[in-house]
Amino acid sequence: GVGMGMTAPVSITAFPAEDGSLQQKVKVSLRIPSKFQDNPPHPSDDSIKIEERQEMTIYSTQFGGYAKEVDYVNYAAKLKSALGSEAVYRKDFYLCNGYDPPMKPYGRRNEVWFVKE
């Protein structure tokens, strides 16, 4: 019953398949605004969970436009290639982040994050 407005980024946890495509399971995460973080409202829908994201170090790449699944997959492949074999990061998932409302036509910001191990 509490309106919190839109937050950024909207973060989608993607689980890549062996061929680099995304499995059909995803987790969408929204940041709880600062004023609600100490005492977040309790979700009325059982499928919504409140999780505390631990501090992490990430490898990241940024791109513009209206991001689609294929864009995230392509930029994840580019990031993997840029990192080479020396970087150690989680291979079982990566994060796809969007920072802009749907009605923003220009100057959009999207990112792919790999979480450093």
N, C-alpha and C. Protein backbone atom coordinates (compact mmCIF):
# COMPACT_ATOMS: atom_id res chain seq x y z
N GLY A 1 0.79 -1.20 0.00
CA GLY A 1 0.00 0.00 0.00
C GLY A 1 0.83 1.27 0.00
N VAL A 2 2.16 1.15 -0.02
CA VAL A 2 3.01 2.33 -0.01
C VAL A 2 3.59 2.52 -1.42
N GLY A 3 3.37 3.69 -2.01
CA GLY A 3 3.96 4.00 -3.32
C GLY A 3 5.39 4.47 -3.13
N MET A 4 6.32 3.85 -3.83
CA MET A 4 7.73 4.22 -3.69
C MET A 4 8.28 4.84 -4.96
N GLY A 5 7.52 4.86 -6.05
CA GLY A 5 8.02 5.42 -7.29
C GLY A 5 9.02 4.48 -7.95
N MET A 6 9.50 4.90 -9.12
CA MET A 6 10.47 4.10 -9.87
C MET A 6 11.87 4.34 -9.33
N THR A 7 12.65 3.29 -9.24
CA THR A 7 14.03 3.41 -8.78
C THR A 7 14.97 2.93 -9.89
N ALA A 8 16.20 3.28 -9.77
CA ALA A 8 17.20 2.87 -10.76
C ALA A 8 18.44 2.39 -10.04
N PRO A 9 19.10 1.39 -10.55
CA PRO A 9 18.71 0.69 -11.77
C PRO A 9 17.67 -0.38 -11.51
N VAL A 10 16.97 -0.77 -12.58
CA VAL A 10 16.21 -2.01 -12.56
C VAL A 10 17.23 -3.07 -12.97
N SER A 11 17.40 -4.05 -12.13
CA SER A 11 18.46 -5.03 -12.31
C SER A 11 17.84 -6.41 -12.56
N ILE A 12 18.22 -7.02 -13.67
CA ILE A 12 17.73 -8.35 -14.01
C ILE A 12 18.90 -9.32 -13.90
N THR A 13 18.75 -10.34 -13.07
CA THR A 13 19.77 -11.37 -12.97
C THR A 13 19.52 -12.37 -14.09
N ALA A 14 20.50 -12.48 -14.98
CA ALA A 14 20.41 -13.38 -16.13
C ALA A 14 21.26 -14.61 -15.87
N PHE A 15 20.74 -15.75 -16.28
CA PHE A 15 21.43 -17.02 -16.11
C PHE A 15 21.77 -17.57 -17.49
N PRO A 16 23.03 -17.43 -17.93
CA PRO A 16 23.38 -17.84 -19.29
C PRO A 16 23.43 -19.36 -19.45
N ALA A 17 23.00 -19.80 -20.63
CA ALA A 17 23.13 -21.22 -21.01
C ALA A 17 24.53 -21.43 -21.58
N GLU A 18 24.88 -22.66 -21.87
CA GLU A 18 26.20 -22.99 -22.41
C GLU A 18 26.54 -22.20 -23.67
N ASP A 19 25.53 -21.95 -24.52
CA ASP A 19 25.78 -21.26 -25.79
C ASP A 19 25.75 -19.73 -25.66
N GLY A 20 25.61 -19.22 -24.43
CA GLY A 20 25.58 -17.78 -24.21
C GLY A 20 24.20 -17.18 -24.19
N SER A 21 23.20 -17.90 -24.71
CA SER A 21 21.82 -17.40 -24.65
C SER A 21 21.35 -17.43 -23.20
N LEU A 22 20.24 -16.79 -22.93
CA LEU A 22 19.74 -16.74 -21.56
C LEU A 22 18.71 -17.83 -21.32
N GLN A 23 18.82 -18.46 -20.16
CA GLN A 23 17.81 -19.43 -19.75
C GLN A 23 16.51 -18.67 -19.50
N GLN A 24 15.43 -19.37 -19.45
CA GLN A 24 14.13 -18.74 -19.29
C GLN A 24 13.80 -18.32 -17.86
N LYS A 25 14.76 -18.45 -16.95
CA LYS A 25 14.53 -17.97 -15.59
C LYS A 25 15.31 -16.67 -15.39
N VAL A 26 14.67 -15.71 -14.81
CA VAL A 26 15.30 -14.43 -14.50
C VAL A 26 14.81 -13.96 -13.14
N LYS A 27 15.56 -13.05 -12.54
CA LYS A 27 15.14 -12.43 -11.30
C LYS A 27 15.25 -10.92 -11.51
N VAL A 28 14.15 -10.21 -11.31
CA VAL A 28 14.13 -8.76 -11.46
C VAL A 28 14.23 -8.13 -10.08
N SER A 29 15.18 -7.19 -9.94
CA SER A 29 15.39 -6.53 -8.65
C SER A 29 15.21 -5.03 -8.80
N LEU A 30 14.51 -4.45 -7.85
CA LEU A 30 14.32 -3.01 -7.80
C LEU A 30 14.92 -2.50 -6.50
N ARG A 31 15.59 -1.38 -6.58
CA ARG A 31 16.20 -0.79 -5.38
C ARG A 31 15.13 -0.14 -4.53
N ILE A 32 15.15 -0.43 -3.25
CA ILE A 32 14.23 0.23 -2.32
C ILE A 32 14.79 1.61 -2.03
N PRO A 33 13.99 2.66 -2.18
CA PRO A 33 14.50 4.02 -1.92
C PRO A 33 15.09 4.14 -0.52
N SER A 34 16.07 5.01 -0.40
CA SER A 34 16.83 5.18 0.85
C SER A 34 15.93 5.36 2.07
N LYS A 35 14.88 6.16 1.95
CA LYS A 35 14.06 6.44 3.14
C LYS A 35 13.29 5.22 3.63
N PHE A 36 13.20 4.16 2.82
CA PHE A 36 12.51 2.93 3.22
C PHE A 36 13.46 1.80 3.58
N GLN A 37 14.78 1.98 3.41
CA GLN A 37 15.69 0.85 3.55
C GLN A 37 15.81 0.33 4.98
N ASP A 38 15.73 1.19 5.98
CA ASP A 38 15.83 0.71 7.36
C ASP A 38 14.61 -0.09 7.79
N ASN A 39 13.47 0.23 7.22
CA ASN A 39 12.22 -0.44 7.57
C ASN A 39 11.34 -0.56 6.33
N PRO A 40 11.69 -1.47 5.40
CA PRO A 40 10.94 -1.56 4.15
C PRO A 40 9.52 -2.06 4.38
N PRO A 41 8.57 -1.58 3.56
CA PRO A 41 7.21 -2.10 3.65
C PRO A 41 7.18 -3.59 3.33
N HIS A 42 6.29 -4.32 3.94
CA HIS A 42 6.19 -5.76 3.69
C HIS A 42 5.36 -5.99 2.43
N PRO A 43 5.90 -6.78 1.49
CA PRO A 43 5.14 -7.06 0.26
C PRO A 43 3.85 -7.81 0.57
N SER A 44 2.79 -7.48 -0.15
CA SER A 44 1.52 -8.19 0.02
C SER A 44 1.43 -9.38 -0.92
N ASP A 45 2.38 -9.53 -1.84
CA ASP A 45 2.43 -10.63 -2.79
C ASP A 45 3.58 -11.57 -2.37
N ASP A 46 3.27 -12.84 -2.17
CA ASP A 46 4.27 -13.80 -1.70
C ASP A 46 5.41 -14.04 -2.69
N SER A 47 5.21 -13.68 -3.96
CA SER A 47 6.27 -13.90 -4.95
C SER A 47 7.32 -12.78 -4.89
N ILE A 48 7.05 -11.74 -4.12
CA ILE A 48 8.00 -10.62 -3.97
C ILE A 48 8.78 -10.81 -2.67
N LYS A 49 10.07 -10.79 -2.78
CA LYS A 49 10.96 -10.97 -1.63
C LYS A 49 11.83 -9.75 -1.45
N ILE A 50 12.14 -9.41 -0.23
CA ILE A 50 13.09 -8.34 0.06
C ILE A 50 14.43 -9.01 0.36
N GLU A 51 15.44 -8.62 -0.40
CA GLU A 51 16.79 -9.16 -0.22
C GLU A 51 17.75 -8.01 0.00
N GLU A 52 18.73 -8.28 0.82
CA GLU A 52 19.80 -7.30 0.99
C GLU A 52 20.95 -7.72 0.09
N ARG A 53 21.31 -6.85 -0.84
CA ARG A 53 22.41 -7.15 -1.75
C ARG A 53 23.71 -6.78 -1.05
N GLN A 54 24.57 -7.76 -0.93
CA GLN A 54 25.86 -7.55 -0.27
C GLN A 54 26.77 -6.71 -1.16
N GLU A 55 27.75 -6.08 -0.53
CA GLU A 55 28.75 -5.32 -1.27
C GLU A 55 29.41 -6.23 -2.28
N MET A 56 29.69 -5.69 -3.47
CA MET A 56 30.33 -6.50 -4.50
C MET A 56 31.24 -5.62 -5.35
N THR A 57 32.20 -6.25 -5.97
CA THR A 57 33.04 -5.60 -6.96
C THR A 57 32.61 -6.16 -8.30
N ILE A 58 32.46 -5.29 -9.28
CA ILE A 58 31.96 -5.73 -10.57
C ILE A 58 32.88 -5.32 -11.71
N TYR A 59 32.78 -6.06 -12.81
CA TYR A 59 33.31 -5.66 -14.10
C TYR A 59 32.08 -5.22 -14.89
N SER A 60 32.17 -4.09 -15.57
CA SER A 60 30.98 -3.52 -16.18
C SER A 60 31.25 -2.98 -17.57
N THR A 61 30.22 -3.02 -18.40
CA THR A 61 30.23 -2.33 -19.68
C THR A 61 28.90 -1.60 -19.83
N GLN A 62 28.92 -0.50 -20.55
CA GLN A 62 27.74 0.36 -20.67
C GLN A 62 27.39 0.53 -22.15
N PHE A 63 26.09 0.64 -22.43
CA PHE A 63 25.63 0.91 -23.80
C PHE A 63 24.32 1.66 -23.75
N GLY A 64 23.93 2.26 -24.87
CA GLY A 64 22.72 3.07 -24.93
C GLY A 64 21.59 2.37 -25.67
N GLY A 65 20.51 3.11 -25.86
CA GLY A 65 19.36 2.62 -26.61
C GLY A 65 18.37 1.87 -25.75
N TYR A 66 17.31 1.40 -26.40
CA TYR A 66 16.32 0.55 -25.73
C TYR A 66 16.87 -0.87 -25.72
N ALA A 67 17.31 -1.35 -24.58
CA ALA A 67 17.98 -2.65 -24.49
C ALA A 67 16.98 -3.79 -24.60
N LYS A 68 17.35 -4.76 -25.42
CA LYS A 68 16.59 -6.00 -25.55
C LYS A 68 17.50 -7.14 -25.08
N GLU A 69 16.93 -8.31 -24.96
CA GLU A 69 17.71 -9.47 -24.48
C GLU A 69 18.95 -9.67 -25.34
N VAL A 70 18.81 -9.58 -26.65
CA VAL A 70 19.95 -9.80 -27.55
C VAL A 70 21.06 -8.78 -27.28
N ASP A 71 20.70 -7.55 -26.91
CA ASP A 71 21.72 -6.54 -26.60
C ASP A 71 22.50 -6.94 -25.36
N TYR A 72 21.80 -7.36 -24.31
CA TYR A 72 22.49 -7.78 -23.10
C TYR A 72 23.40 -8.97 -23.37
N VAL A 73 22.91 -9.94 -24.15
CA VAL A 73 23.73 -11.12 -24.48
C VAL A 73 24.97 -10.69 -25.26
N ASN A 74 24.80 -9.81 -26.25
CA ASN A 74 25.95 -9.35 -27.05
C ASN A 74 26.96 -8.56 -26.21
N TYR A 75 26.48 -7.67 -25.36
CA TYR A 75 27.42 -6.89 -24.53
C TYR A 75 28.07 -7.76 -23.46
N ALA A 76 27.38 -8.77 -22.98
CA ALA A 76 28.01 -9.71 -22.04
C ALA A 76 29.14 -10.46 -22.75
N ALA A 77 28.92 -10.85 -24.00
CA ALA A 77 29.97 -11.53 -24.77
C ALA A 77 31.16 -10.60 -25.00
N LYS A 78 30.88 -9.32 -25.29
CA LYS A 78 31.96 -8.35 -25.48
C LYS A 78 32.75 -8.14 -24.19
N LEU A 79 32.05 -8.06 -23.08
CA LEU A 79 32.72 -7.88 -21.79
C LEU A 79 33.58 -9.10 -21.47
N LYS A 80 33.04 -10.28 -21.70
CA LYS A 80 33.80 -11.52 -21.47
C LYS A 80 35.07 -11.53 -22.32
N SER A 81 34.95 -11.13 -23.57
CA SER A 81 36.11 -11.09 -24.47
C SER A 81 37.13 -10.06 -24.00
N ALA A 82 36.66 -8.88 -23.57
CA ALA A 82 37.55 -7.81 -23.11
C ALA A 82 38.31 -8.23 -21.85
N LEU A 83 37.66 -9.00 -20.98
CA LEU A 83 38.30 -9.42 -19.73
C LEU A 83 39.32 -10.53 -19.95
N GLY A 84 39.14 -11.30 -21.00
CA GLY A 84 40.08 -12.40 -21.28
C GLY A 84 40.00 -13.49 -20.22
N SER A 85 41.05 -14.25 -20.11
CA SER A 85 41.04 -15.40 -19.20
C SER A 85 41.61 -15.07 -17.82
N GLU A 86 42.14 -13.88 -17.64
CA GLU A 86 42.77 -13.52 -16.36
C GLU A 86 41.77 -13.13 -15.27
N ALA A 87 40.66 -12.51 -15.65
CA ALA A 87 39.69 -12.03 -14.68
C ALA A 87 38.89 -13.19 -14.09
N VAL A 88 38.66 -13.15 -12.80
CA VAL A 88 37.90 -14.19 -12.11
C VAL A 88 36.56 -13.58 -11.69
N TYR A 89 35.47 -14.11 -12.25
CA TYR A 89 34.15 -13.59 -11.95
C TYR A 89 33.14 -14.73 -12.02
N ARG A 90 31.96 -14.50 -11.46
CA ARG A 90 30.90 -15.51 -11.45
C ARG A 90 30.46 -15.80 -12.88
N LYS A 91 30.42 -17.05 -13.25
CA LYS A 91 30.03 -17.44 -14.60
C LYS A 91 28.57 -17.93 -14.65
N ASP A 92 27.96 -18.20 -13.49
CA ASP A 92 26.62 -18.77 -13.46
C ASP A 92 25.51 -17.73 -13.61
N PHE A 93 25.86 -16.44 -13.51
CA PHE A 93 24.87 -15.38 -13.70
C PHE A 93 25.60 -14.09 -14.00
N TYR A 94 24.87 -13.13 -14.54
CA TYR A 94 25.35 -11.75 -14.63
C TYR A 94 24.14 -10.83 -14.50
N LEU A 95 24.39 -9.56 -14.30
CA LEU A 95 23.33 -8.59 -14.04
C LEU A 95 23.17 -7.66 -15.23
N CYS A 96 21.92 -7.49 -15.65
CA CYS A 96 21.55 -6.59 -16.74
C CYS A 96 20.82 -5.42 -16.10
N ASN A 97 21.34 -4.20 -16.28
CA ASN A 97 20.80 -3.04 -15.57
C ASN A 97 20.32 -1.97 -16.53
N GLY A 98 19.14 -1.44 -16.24
CA GLY A 98 18.59 -0.32 -17.00
C GLY A 98 18.32 0.83 -16.05
N TYR A 99 18.64 2.04 -16.48
CA TYR A 99 18.56 3.20 -15.60
C TYR A 99 17.47 4.20 -15.97
N ASP A 100 16.76 3.99 -17.06
CA ASP A 100 15.86 5.03 -17.56
C ASP A 100 14.41 4.56 -17.64
N PRO A 101 13.48 5.51 -17.49
CA PRO A 101 12.07 5.16 -17.66
C PRO A 101 11.78 4.85 -19.13
N PRO A 102 10.75 4.05 -19.39
CA PRO A 102 10.45 3.65 -20.77
C PRO A 102 10.22 4.81 -21.73
N MET A 103 9.71 5.94 -21.24
CA MET A 103 9.38 7.04 -22.14
C MET A 103 10.56 7.96 -22.46
N LYS A 104 11.75 7.65 -21.96
CA LYS A 104 12.93 8.46 -22.28
C LYS A 104 13.50 7.97 -23.61
N PRO A 105 13.42 8.79 -24.67
CA PRO A 105 13.83 8.30 -25.99
C PRO A 105 15.33 8.38 -26.27
N TYR A 106 16.04 9.31 -25.65
CA TYR A 106 17.45 9.53 -25.98
C TYR A 106 18.31 9.50 -24.73
N GLY A 107 19.60 9.21 -24.93
CA GLY A 107 20.54 9.23 -23.81
C GLY A 107 20.30 8.14 -22.80
N ARG A 108 19.81 7.01 -23.25
CA ARG A 108 19.52 5.90 -22.35
C ARG A 108 20.81 5.21 -21.91
N ARG A 109 20.78 4.68 -20.69
CA ARG A 109 21.95 4.01 -20.12
C ARG A 109 21.58 2.60 -19.69
N ASN A 110 22.35 1.64 -20.16
CA ASN A 110 22.21 0.23 -19.79
C ASN A 110 23.59 -0.29 -19.46
N GLU A 111 23.65 -1.28 -18.58
CA GLU A 111 24.94 -1.86 -18.21
C GLU A 111 24.81 -3.38 -18.05
N VAL A 112 25.91 -4.06 -18.29
CA VAL A 112 26.06 -5.47 -17.95
C VAL A 112 27.12 -5.54 -16.88
N TRP A 113 26.83 -6.27 -15.80
CA TRP A 113 27.78 -6.44 -14.70
C TRP A 113 28.13 -7.91 -14.55
N PHE A 114 29.42 -8.18 -14.44
CA PHE A 114 29.93 -9.47 -13.99
C PHE A 114 30.43 -9.27 -12.57
N VAL A 115 30.06 -10.14 -11.66
CA VAL A 115 30.45 -10.02 -10.26
C VAL A 115 31.79 -10.71 -10.04
N LYS A 116 32.76 -9.94 -9.57
CA LYS A 116 34.10 -10.47 -9.30
C LYS A 116 34.04 -11.47 -8.16
N GLU A 117 34.78 -12.57 -8.32
CA GLU A 117 34.85 -13.57 -7.24
C GLU A 117 35.92 -13.19 -6.26
